[in-house]
Structures are given as structure tokens and as C-alpha cells.
Amino acid sequence: MYAQRNCPFVYKVTAIEKVVDGDTVDVVIDLGFDVRVSQRVRLLGIDTPESRTRDLEEKQFGLLSKKKLKQWCLKAVESEKDDIELELRCEEADSRGKFGRVLAEIWVTEDGHATNVNKWMCDEGYAVPYVGQNKADVEALHLQNREKVRHEL
């Protein structure tokens, strides 16, 4: 089960440049006063199947996870509704992982209802909870998720 984090640092996302895979996205962050910065973001606390791999079965599920993340992100930034917002919530002001990516939860707020996309990805079977352990340690969870979402392929 995904453990929601205490993420007091909130940043508004104004554009999606690219959804890299199911747990990584390139975004434009609005820092205020017309200052914007492009950053690569790693979704905090989750792991998704790889979409760039020689394992064709894993690749199918990785592409499905990527598709679901993309749907959430595009819903927020391409909507004509004024009340949909996409934001990053971070544990620290400059929260970065070992590859220099911003570590954050992605939240989409629509009609006053906020959804933690990281948690949603885990709940729906597109990701597994991940806190830096070895990939082999989460493999069984990934295999369980495959059965949960296989009908979508």
C-alpha cells in the first residue's frame, strides 16, 4: 500500500513537456513572478514497470503505466476548465534523487477534489510502492499488478 508522505513544499505545474515513463515526467514549474523552470520529476514512493526494456511483456505494462500517468497530466494542463490544477508536492524545498530528478508527489485538483496521482497509480495496479529497495524486492508486487490490469492490454 502506498504511504502518503508529508510534502509541505508545493509547486504549480504549468506545462507537461514529456511523460518519460510511468514514474518520470518532464514539467514546467511556475515559481511565481513569471519565473518558470523545466525539471525532470520522479514520482516519489512508487515504481512502475520499465517501458524501455528488452522484456516485451514488461514493456507492455510499462507503456500502460506511462499512458495512465500521461492521461492524468494532460487532463490537468490541457483542460479548458479553469478549476483543474496540477501541482508537485515535495518533502523538501529542493528534494532530489540520486539521478538529480525532483522527487515529488503529483496532485491533480478538479472541482475542489484533490487526487494524489502517485497513490492512484498504486491503488489501480499501474505502480507499486517503492522506497529505494532492490528491484527484485518489488518484483512479486509487479507480477500481481500485471494480473490486475492485464485486461487493459
Foldseek 3Di string as FASTA:
>chain_A
DFDDDPFADKWFFQAWPALPWLFKTWTWTDPDPPDIDIFIEGEAFKDFQDLPDPPVLSVVLGRVSSVVVVVQRCCQNVDPDPFKTKMWTHNDPQDADPVGGHYTFIWIADPNDIDGVRVVCCVQLRIPGDDPDDPVVCVVSNVVSCVSCVVVD
